[in-house]
Amino acid sequence: MSERLLEFSIYVLTGLIFLILSWVFVRELLSRLRNNKTQLQHEKVLALFSKWRVAKGQQKTKLEKQLKAVSVSILEPIFFEHFEGIWMEVEKQAFQKLYEALGIQDELRRVLKESFDPLKRENAVLKMASVASVQDIPFILDAFHDPSETPQVKQCCVKAISDMAVGVMQEKGAVQNIGLFVQLLDIPHPDLRGKIAKMLASLNGRIQTLIPHLIELKSDAAKTGVLEVFSHWNRLEYAQFLYDYLDDINPDIRKNAVSILAKFQDEKDILLFIQRLKDPNLEVRIAALEALAPFQNQAAESSVLKLLTDPSQKVRSKVLIFMALHGKEEHFRKLVSKLGDVSFQEAFLLELQAHKSQEIEKVFEFIGLDVRIFLQKYGWEACDRFYEAYLESAKSSLDAKIRRRALSAIMVWERTHILEVLKEISESDPDHEVRAYAKSKLLEFHKKRGLHER
């Protein structure tokens, strides 16, 4: 019994092995046949594409109909494979029409919208970008704004939109896509945003139509682009549209709005700039301070002076330069006293270097330093030698006014050997007014010391 069971098992096992081998053989045969069929289809479609490229008129239309009969899933990869690297040989409009007529455009849009595979969606975006059809941009834009989309796909969208938009801007009739370009200001791509802003700003005849659409944009990237457009226009009558941006939650937006308004130098904006001097953001305060620089306005000057207590050395340095250029003599002692701080000296020199030579000379004259002596002997790096520079200016400057002013600054600092300096100058300075000034200060010093001794 057991022998017959064993024999039966062997027969069954042999039969199973035969069936498995047969199945493998048949599967391999079917696979080869399928591959051969696919290969033949591929070659046939490739041949049709090749003929289409060189055909003209009715022949081209006939070939196009034959291509339409082929499944899009077969057409799409061959289409991009065939035209990759030789698109410059094919007229762009004809190429884009074929892309649309064969349903390849719709297929890529479907993949981008419906596919669960992010790699397929990325490839769809990149292929759309290679064709550069302006009609695809809104679909890529929708994918970019989709909150559920992956960061990788969004990065592809930004790159694709950037490449496509630049190409569209260079085409004739780009003005027809103004609405699309306004939407593209929302793309976080500074280079693209700058180009679009410049292009929109060049449409002088459409400004009144553009402005309502521009000011409706709400994202930070879009508002930055809108401000760039207004900056290119640089027209005072549009300043009213910038005021709301001064209170934006984003400090970069506030700063840019201040800087653009500053170009107009309109006295009606002074109060707005004064308000921004209290801004919690450093860059906004600096922009507001710089915006007030051209105005000779007492309210502005008083507000700027309050920034001498600002936590930023940069701001305080700019305040000193501001007051010096405005010639605010009544604040000389308060301003010069700040130069006793070595860290402030460094920030001050750094800021002053950025100014024009005439302004630099005026500031040095105001603070009582001979600019020629300072730069030749100490240089812009002399942030710890200001007192020494003051002594040198008081003794060696060729300008009597500078020598006297340097003495005034030295008196503010009240260093221990001030008596020796005053005595030397009161006896040896060639200008009688400087000698008299030194003597009067020496007398004041003695009187003050006498009172203290009592």
Protein backbone atom coordinates (compact mmCIF):
# COMPACT_ATOMS: atom_id res chain seq x y z
CA MET A 1 0.00 0.00 0.00
CA SER A 2 2.73 2.41 0.96
CA GLU A 3 4.66 1.61 -2.27
CA ARG A 4 1.63 2.39 -4.42
CA LEU A 5 1.06 5.66 -2.50
CA LEU A 6 4.70 6.64 -3.05
CA GLU A 7 4.43 5.82 -6.75
CA PHE A 8 1.26 7.90 -7.03
CA SER A 9 2.94 10.84 -5.26
CA ILE A 10 5.86 10.69 -7.70
CA TYR A 11 3.47 10.82 -10.66
CA VAL A 12 1.62 13.80 -9.14
CA LEU A 13 4.87 15.65 -8.39
CA THR A 14 6.15 14.97 -11.91
CA GLY A 15 2.89 16.30 -13.34
CA LEU A 16 3.10 19.47 -11.22
CA ILE A 17 6.69 20.09 -12.33
CA PHE A 18 5.63 19.62 -15.96
CA LEU A 19 2.74 22.07 -15.51
CA ILE A 20 4.99 24.65 -13.84
CA LEU A 21 7.63 24.37 -16.57
CA SER A 22 4.94 24.60 -19.22
CA TRP A 23 3.50 27.72 -17.55
CA VAL A 24 6.95 29.33 -17.37
CA PHE A 25 7.58 28.51 -21.03
CA VAL A 26 4.22 29.86 -22.15
CA ARG A 27 4.63 33.01 -20.04
CA GLU A 28 8.07 33.65 -21.50
CA LEU A 29 6.74 33.05 -25.00
CA LEU A 30 3.81 35.42 -24.45
CA SER A 31 6.16 38.02 -22.93
CA ARG A 32 8.43 37.87 -25.96
CA LEU A 33 5.49 38.11 -28.29
CA ARG A 34 4.18 41.09 -26.32
CA ASN A 35 7.60 42.75 -26.33
CA ASN A 36 7.92 42.11 -30.04
CA LYS A 37 4.50 43.63 -30.57
CA THR A 38 5.40 46.62 -28.40
CA GLN A 39 8.68 47.00 -30.24
CA LEU A 40 6.90 46.88 -33.59
CA GLN A 41 4.40 49.46 -32.34
CA HIS A 42 7.25 51.61 -31.08
CA GLU A 43 9.03 51.44 -34.41
CA LYS A 44 5.81 52.11 -36.30
CA VAL A 45 4.97 55.18 -34.19
CA LEU A 46 8.56 56.38 -34.36
CA ALA A 47 8.42 56.11 -38.14
CA LEU A 48 5.18 58.09 -38.18
CA PHE A 49 6.76 60.83 -36.06
CA SER A 50 9.78 60.95 -38.35
CA LYS A 51 7.58 61.30 -41.43
CA TRP A 52 5.43 63.93 -39.68
CA ARG A 53 8.46 66.08 -38.99
CA VAL A 54 9.33 66.49 -42.66
CA ALA A 55 5.82 66.28 -44.16
CA LYS A 56 3.81 69.28 -45.26
CA GLY A 57 0.23 70.17 -45.97
CA GLN A 58 -2.27 67.32 -46.38
CA GLN A 59 0.39 64.69 -45.89
CA LYS A 60 1.18 66.12 -42.45
CA THR A 61 -2.54 66.15 -41.57
CA LYS A 62 -2.91 62.52 -42.71
CA LEU A 63 0.03 61.39 -40.57
CA GLU A 64 -1.39 63.28 -37.63
CA LYS A 65 -4.66 61.33 -37.97
CA GLN A 66 -2.72 58.07 -37.96
CA LEU A 67 -0.92 59.12 -34.78
CA LYS A 68 -4.22 59.98 -33.12
CA ALA A 69 -5.34 56.38 -33.59
CA VAL A 70 -2.49 55.19 -31.34
CA SER A 71 -3.03 54.90 -27.57
CA VAL A 72 -1.79 57.92 -25.62
CA SER A 73 0.06 55.62 -23.21
CA ILE A 74 2.16 54.46 -26.18
CA LEU A 75 2.44 57.88 -27.83
CA GLU A 76 3.55 59.88 -24.80
CA PRO A 77 6.95 58.29 -24.04
CA ILE A 78 7.83 57.98 -27.75
CA PHE A 79 6.76 61.58 -28.36
CA PHE A 80 9.22 62.97 -25.80
CA GLU A 81 11.92 60.47 -26.69
CA HIS A 82 11.71 61.38 -30.37
CA PHE A 83 11.72 65.13 -29.95
CA GLU A 84 14.21 65.41 -27.10
CA GLY A 85 17.23 67.37 -28.23
CA ILE A 86 15.83 68.25 -31.66
CA TRP A 87 12.95 70.54 -30.73
CA MET A 88 14.77 73.49 -32.21
CA GLU A 89 14.41 71.81 -35.63
CA VAL A 90 10.63 71.68 -35.29
CA GLU A 91 8.55 74.82 -35.41
CA LYS A 92 7.43 75.42 -31.87
CA GLN A 93 3.79 76.15 -32.62
CA ALA A 94 3.38 73.01 -34.74
CA PHE A 95 5.04 70.95 -32.03
CA GLN A 96 2.72 72.33 -29.35
CA LYS A 97 -0.34 71.75 -31.54
CA LEU A 98 0.63 68.11 -32.02
CA TYR A 99 1.22 67.75 -28.28
CA GLU A 100 -2.33 69.00 -27.71
CA ALA A 101 -3.96 67.17 -30.67
CA LEU A 102 -2.61 63.75 -29.71
CA GLY A 103 -4.04 64.02 -26.19
CA ILE A 104 -0.57 64.02 -24.60
CA GLN A 105 -1.27 67.33 -22.92
CA ASP A 106 -4.49 66.02 -21.37
CA GLU A 107 -2.75 62.83 -20.25
CA LEU A 108 0.00 64.75 -18.43
CA ARG A 109 -2.58 66.97 -16.78
CA ARG A 110 -4.52 63.88 -15.66
CA VAL A 111 -1.35 62.33 -14.19
CA LEU A 112 -0.51 65.55 -12.37
CA LYS A 113 -3.99 65.77 -10.89
CA GLU A 114 -4.86 62.10 -10.24
CA SER A 115 -1.72 60.00 -9.90
CA PHE A 116 -0.81 58.82 -6.40
CA ASP A 117 2.85 58.42 -7.42
CA PRO A 118 4.81 61.65 -6.73
CA LEU A 119 7.54 60.62 -9.17
CA LYS A 120 4.99 60.38 -11.97
CA ARG A 121 3.64 63.80 -11.02
CA GLU A 122 7.16 65.25 -11.06
CA ASN A 123 7.80 63.77 -14.50
CA ALA A 124 4.51 65.16 -15.76
CA VAL A 125 5.50 68.66 -14.61
CA LEU A 126 8.96 68.40 -16.19
CA LYS A 127 7.50 67.19 -19.48
CA MET A 128 4.99 70.03 -19.53
CA ALA A 129 7.86 72.44 -18.94
CA SER A 130 9.81 70.99 -21.87
CA VAL A 131 6.90 71.69 -24.24
CA ALA A 132 6.42 75.15 -22.67
CA SER A 133 2.75 75.56 -23.59
CA VAL A 134 1.34 78.58 -21.81
CA GLN A 135 -1.97 76.71 -21.35
CA ASP A 136 -0.23 74.26 -18.99
CA ILE A 137 0.97 76.93 -16.56
CA PRO A 138 -2.37 77.27 -14.68
CA PHE A 139 -2.43 73.48 -14.10
CA ILE A 140 1.12 73.53 -12.71
CA LEU A 141 0.18 76.57 -10.63
CA ASP A 142 -2.77 74.64 -9.15
CA ALA A 143 -0.42 71.80 -8.22
CA PHE A 144 1.93 74.27 -6.54
CA HIS A 145 -0.93 75.69 -4.45
CA ASP A 146 -2.26 72.24 -3.50
CA PRO A 147 -1.61 71.94 0.28
CA SER A 148 -1.39 68.15 0.01
CA GLU A 149 1.32 68.19 -2.67
CA THR A 150 4.84 67.04 -1.76
CA PRO A 151 7.70 69.58 -1.42
CA GLN A 152 9.60 67.82 -4.23
CA VAL A 153 6.73 68.21 -6.69
CA LYS A 154 6.27 71.86 -5.62
CA GLN A 155 9.95 72.52 -6.28
CA CYS A 156 9.50 71.05 -9.77
CA CYS A 157 6.48 73.32 -10.24
CA VAL A 158 8.46 76.44 -9.32
CA LYS A 159 11.29 75.49 -11.68
CA ALA A 160 8.89 74.61 -14.49
CA ILE A 161 6.83 77.80 -14.12
CA SER A 162 10.00 79.89 -14.03
CA ASP A 163 11.36 78.35 -17.24
CA MET A 164 8.01 78.48 -19.03
CA ALA A 165 7.09 82.03 -18.02
CA VAL A 166 10.41 83.48 -19.14
CA GLY A 167 9.88 81.86 -22.54
CA VAL A 168 6.32 83.14 -22.80
CA MET A 169 7.42 86.69 -21.91
CA GLN A 170 9.77 86.65 -24.89
CA GLU A 171 7.01 85.70 -27.31
CA LYS A 172 4.96 88.13 -29.34
CA GLY A 173 1.55 88.72 -27.83
CA ALA A 174 2.77 88.05 -24.28
CA VAL A 175 0.61 90.98 -23.20
CA GLN A 176 -2.44 88.75 -23.77
CA ASN A 177 -1.40 86.72 -20.71
CA ILE A 178 -1.30 89.63 -18.25
CA GLY A 179 -3.76 87.93 -15.88
CA LEU A 180 -1.57 84.85 -15.73
CA PHE A 181 1.58 86.88 -15.06
CA VAL A 182 -0.14 88.69 -12.17
CA GLN A 183 -0.90 85.27 -10.64
CA LEU A 184 2.71 84.19 -11.12
CA LEU A 185 3.91 86.97 -8.82
CA ASP A 186 2.81 84.52 -6.12
CA ILE A 187 5.61 82.08 -7.03
CA PRO A 188 8.53 82.25 -4.52
CA HIS A 189 11.21 82.65 -7.19
CA PRO A 190 12.95 86.05 -6.85
CA ASP A 191 14.49 86.05 -10.33
CA LEU A 192 11.19 85.17 -12.03
CA ARG A 193 9.29 87.65 -9.85
CA GLY A 194 11.71 90.41 -10.79
CA LYS A 195 11.34 89.72 -14.51
CA ILE A 196 7.55 89.60 -14.31
CA ALA A 197 7.46 92.82 -12.28
CA LYS A 198 9.63 94.56 -14.87
CA MET A 199 7.46 93.26 -17.72
CA LEU A 200 4.22 94.33 -16.02
CA ALA A 201 5.66 97.75 -15.21
CA SER A 202 6.46 98.27 -18.90
CA LEU A 203 2.74 98.07 -19.79
CA ASN A 204 2.12 101.76 -19.25
CA GLY A 205 -1.13 101.74 -21.18
CA ARG A 206 -2.68 99.15 -18.87
CA ILE A 207 -1.71 100.52 -15.45
CA GLN A 208 -5.24 101.44 -14.41
CA THR A 209 -6.42 97.94 -15.31
CA LEU A 210 -3.51 96.26 -13.54
CA ILE A 211 -3.58 98.04 -10.18
CA PRO A 212 -6.87 96.56 -8.86
CA HIS A 213 -5.60 93.05 -9.58
CA LEU A 214 -2.19 93.73 -8.05
CA ILE A 215 -3.43 95.09 -4.73
CA GLU A 216 -5.71 92.06 -4.28
CA LEU A 217 -2.72 89.70 -4.02
CA LYS A 218 -2.20 88.59 -0.41
CA SER A 219 0.81 86.26 -0.13
CA ASP A 220 4.18 87.68 0.96
CA ALA A 221 5.81 86.64 -2.32
CA ALA A 222 3.06 88.29 -4.35
CA LYS A 223 3.12 91.52 -2.30
CA THR A 224 6.89 91.67 -2.76
CA GLY A 225 6.33 91.41 -6.51
CA VAL A 226 3.62 94.07 -6.43
CA LEU A 227 5.96 96.48 -4.65
CA GLU A 228 8.60 95.79 -7.32
CA VAL A 229 6.07 96.78 -9.98
CA PHE A 230 5.30 100.05 -8.16
CA SER A 231 9.02 100.65 -7.72
CA HIS A 232 9.54 100.38 -11.49
CA TRP A 233 6.66 102.78 -12.13
CA ASN A 234 8.10 105.28 -9.62
CA ARG A 235 5.15 107.66 -9.99
CA LEU A 236 3.90 109.84 -7.15
CA GLU A 237 0.23 109.49 -8.11
CA TYR A 238 0.41 105.78 -7.20
CA ALA A 239 1.79 106.39 -3.70
CA GLN A 240 -1.73 106.04 -2.25
CA PHE A 241 -1.70 102.34 -3.10
CA LEU A 242 1.44 101.78 -1.03
CA TYR A 243 0.21 103.08 2.31
CA ASP A 244 -1.53 99.85 3.37
CA TYR A 245 1.76 97.96 2.98
CA LEU A 246 3.34 100.13 5.71
CA ASP A 247 1.28 98.21 8.30
CA ASP A 248 1.85 94.75 6.82
CA ILE A 249 2.66 91.98 9.28
CA ASN A 250 5.80 91.10 7.29
CA PRO A 251 8.68 93.50 8.12
CA ASP A 252 10.25 93.04 4.66
CA ILE A 253 7.03 94.30 3.08
CA ARG A 254 6.94 97.30 5.43
CA LYS A 255 10.58 98.09 4.70
CA ASN A 256 10.10 97.88 0.92
CA ALA A 257 7.03 100.11 1.08
CA VAL A 258 8.96 102.74 3.05
CA SER A 259 11.87 102.62 0.60
CA ILE A 260 9.62 103.06 -2.43
CA LEU A 261 7.73 105.97 -0.86
CA ALA A 262 11.07 107.54 0.07
CA LYS A 263 11.91 107.94 -3.62
CA PHE A 264 9.09 110.46 -4.03
CA GLN A 265 10.39 112.75 -1.24
CA ASP A 266 6.84 113.91 -0.66
CA GLU A 267 6.42 115.99 2.51
CA LYS A 268 2.95 114.47 3.01
CA ASP A 269 4.68 111.18 3.87
CA ILE A 270 6.85 112.60 6.67
CA LEU A 271 4.38 111.64 9.40
CA LEU A 272 4.19 108.08 8.04
CA PHE A 273 7.97 107.78 8.14
CA ILE A 274 8.07 109.17 11.70
CA GLN A 275 5.59 106.49 12.79
CA ARG A 276 7.80 103.78 11.30
CA LEU A 277 10.76 105.01 13.39
CA LYS A 278 9.06 103.13 16.23
CA ASP A 279 8.78 99.90 14.24
CA PRO A 280 9.91 96.79 16.18
CA ASN A 281 11.97 95.69 13.17
CA LEU A 282 15.49 97.11 12.83
CA GLU A 283 15.50 97.26 9.01
CA VAL A 284 12.19 99.12 8.93
CA ARG A 285 13.47 101.72 11.40
CA ILE A 286 16.59 102.19 9.29
CA ALA A 287 14.52 102.57 6.11
CA ALA A 288 12.32 105.16 7.82
CA LEU A 289 15.34 107.07 9.12
CA GLU A 290 16.89 107.13 5.64
CA ALA A 291 13.56 108.21 4.15
CA LEU A 292 13.52 111.27 6.44
CA ALA A 293 17.09 112.31 5.58
CA PRO A 294 16.20 114.69 2.69
CA PHE A 295 13.66 116.67 4.75
CA GLN A 296 14.45 119.75 6.83
CA ASN A 297 11.59 119.19 9.25
CA GLN A 298 11.67 119.88 12.98
CA ALA A 299 9.22 117.12 13.90
CA ALA A 300 11.23 114.60 11.89
CA GLU A 301 14.52 115.74 13.44
CA SER A 302 13.12 115.53 16.96
CA SER A 303 11.83 112.02 16.33
CA VAL A 304 15.13 110.91 14.83
CA LEU A 305 17.04 112.28 17.81
CA LYS A 306 15.07 109.98 20.12
CA LEU A 307 16.68 107.03 18.33
CA LEU A 308 19.97 107.86 20.05
CA THR A 309 18.73 105.41 22.68
CA ASP A 310 17.93 102.73 20.11
CA PRO A 311 19.37 99.30 21.03
CA SER A 312 21.08 99.07 17.64
CA GLN A 313 24.53 100.63 17.20
CA LYS A 314 23.76 100.88 13.48
CA VAL A 315 20.68 103.01 14.11
CA ARG A 316 22.48 105.25 16.60
CA SER A 317 25.31 105.71 14.11
CA LYS A 318 22.85 106.73 11.42
CA VAL A 319 21.25 109.19 13.83
CA LEU A 320 24.61 110.88 14.41
CA ILE A 321 25.24 111.11 10.67
CA PHE A 322 21.69 112.37 10.10
CA MET A 323 22.09 115.15 12.70
CA ALA A 324 25.53 116.08 11.42
CA LEU A 325 24.28 116.45 7.85
CA HIS A 326 21.36 118.52 9.13
CA GLY A 327 23.81 120.70 11.09
CA LYS A 328 22.05 120.34 14.45
CA GLU A 329 24.56 122.31 16.53
CA GLU A 330 22.30 122.37 19.59
CA HIS A 331 22.80 118.61 19.96
CA PHE A 332 26.59 118.63 19.44
CA ARG A 333 27.56 117.56 22.97
CA LYS A 334 24.97 114.78 23.12
CA LEU A 335 26.04 113.43 19.74
CA VAL A 336 29.79 113.64 20.22
CA SER A 337 29.56 111.99 23.64
CA LYS A 338 28.47 108.80 21.85
CA LEU A 339 31.86 108.62 20.13
CA GLY A 340 33.48 107.82 23.47
CA ASP A 341 32.24 104.24 23.07
CA VAL A 342 34.71 102.17 21.01
CA SER A 343 32.01 99.80 19.70
CA PHE A 344 29.97 102.81 18.60
CA GLN A 345 33.02 104.26 16.83
CA GLU A 346 33.32 101.08 14.78
CA ALA A 347 29.64 101.11 13.76
CA PHE A 348 29.81 104.83 13.01
CA LEU A 349 32.82 104.53 10.69
CA LEU A 350 31.26 101.57 8.93
CA GLU A 351 28.10 103.55 8.19
CA LEU A 352 29.93 106.73 7.23
CA GLN A 353 32.03 104.98 4.59
CA ALA A 354 28.90 104.34 2.52
CA HIS A 355 28.22 108.06 2.08
CA LYS A 356 29.41 110.43 -0.63
CA SER A 357 32.74 112.20 -0.10
CA GLN A 358 31.07 115.59 0.40
CA GLU A 359 28.80 114.17 3.08
CA ILE A 360 31.76 112.46 4.78
CA GLU A 361 33.62 115.78 4.94
CA LYS A 362 30.56 117.52 6.36
CA VAL A 363 30.11 114.87 9.07
CA PHE A 364 33.80 115.01 10.07
CA GLU A 365 33.62 118.78 10.23
CA PHE A 366 30.53 118.59 12.44
CA ILE A 367 32.07 116.18 14.94
CA GLY A 368 35.33 118.19 15.00
CA LEU A 369 37.78 115.92 13.20
CA ASP A 370 40.10 116.86 10.36
CA VAL A 371 39.11 114.35 7.66
CA ARG A 372 42.51 114.55 5.93
CA ILE A 373 44.46 113.85 9.12
CA PHE A 374 42.06 111.15 10.25
CA LEU A 375 42.09 109.15 7.04
CA GLN A 376 45.80 109.54 6.33
CA LYS A 377 47.06 108.82 9.84
CA TYR A 378 44.39 106.53 11.29
CA GLY A 379 42.15 105.30 8.47
CA TRP A 380 38.67 103.76 8.54
CA GLU A 381 39.84 101.04 10.93
CA ALA A 382 40.76 103.51 13.69
CA CYS A 383 37.79 102.61 15.85
CA ASP A 384 39.80 102.76 19.09
CA ARG A 385 41.85 105.91 18.40
CA PHE A 386 39.22 108.65 18.23
CA TYR A 387 40.54 110.56 21.24
CA GLU A 388 44.03 110.49 19.78
CA ALA A 389 42.59 111.71 16.46
CA TYR A 390 40.81 114.55 18.25
CA LEU A 391 44.07 115.66 19.90
CA GLU A 392 45.83 115.54 16.54
CA SER A 393 43.06 117.57 14.89
CA ALA A 394 43.12 120.14 17.70
CA LYS A 395 46.85 120.62 17.34
CA SER A 396 47.62 120.03 13.66
CA SER A 397 44.59 120.78 11.50
CA LEU A 398 45.12 123.60 9.02
CA ASP A 399 41.52 124.69 9.56
CA ALA A 400 41.09 126.87 12.65
CA LYS A 401 37.40 126.01 12.79
CA ILE A 402 38.21 122.30 12.99
CA ARG A 403 40.87 122.88 15.68
CA ARG A 404 38.36 124.76 17.81
CA ARG A 405 35.66 122.16 17.24
CA ALA A 406 38.04 119.35 18.14
CA LEU A 407 38.68 121.13 21.44
CA SER A 408 34.93 121.27 22.06
CA ALA A 409 34.69 117.52 21.52
CA ILE A 410 37.65 116.87 23.84
CA MET A 411 35.92 118.92 26.53
CA VAL A 412 32.83 116.69 26.17
CA TRP A 413 34.96 113.63 26.88
CA GLU A 414 36.68 115.26 29.89
CA ARG A 415 39.85 113.17 29.91
CA THR A 416 42.35 113.61 32.76
CA HIS A 417 45.12 115.42 30.85
CA ILE A 418 42.75 117.96 29.29
CA LEU A 419 44.45 120.77 31.21
CA GLU A 420 47.77 120.17 29.45
CA VAL A 421 46.08 120.17 26.04
CA LEU A 422 44.18 123.39 26.73
CA LYS A 423 47.25 125.13 28.09
CA GLU A 424 49.39 124.13 25.10
CA ILE A 425 46.83 125.33 22.58
CA SER A 426 46.07 128.54 24.46
CA GLU A 427 49.74 129.46 24.16
CA SER A 428 50.76 128.11 20.76
CA ASP A 429 47.79 128.02 18.37
CA PRO A 430 48.33 130.47 15.46
CA ASP A 431 44.70 131.61 15.49
CA HIS A 432 43.81 134.13 18.21
CA GLU A 433 40.19 132.93 18.37
CA VAL A 434 41.26 129.34 19.00
CA ARG A 435 43.74 130.55 21.66
CA ALA A 436 41.01 132.62 23.29
CA TYR A 437 38.62 129.67 23.21
CA ALA A 438 41.23 127.39 24.83
CA LYS A 439 41.92 130.03 27.53
CA SER A 440 38.22 130.42 28.30
CA LYS A 441 37.80 126.66 28.64
CA LEU A 442 40.92 126.48 30.79
CA LEU A 443 39.47 129.18 33.05
CA GLU A 444 36.15 127.37 33.26
CA PHE A 445 37.96 124.18 34.20
CA HIS A 446 39.91 125.91 36.98
CA LYS A 447 36.76 127.55 38.35
CA LYS A 448 34.94 124.23 38.34
CA ARG A 449 37.84 122.54 40.11
CA GLY A 450 38.03 125.38 42.62
CA LEU A 451 34.37 124.94 43.50
CA HIS A 452 34.89 121.24 43.98
CA GLU A 453 37.91 121.89 46.26
CA ARG A 454 35.79 124.17 48.49
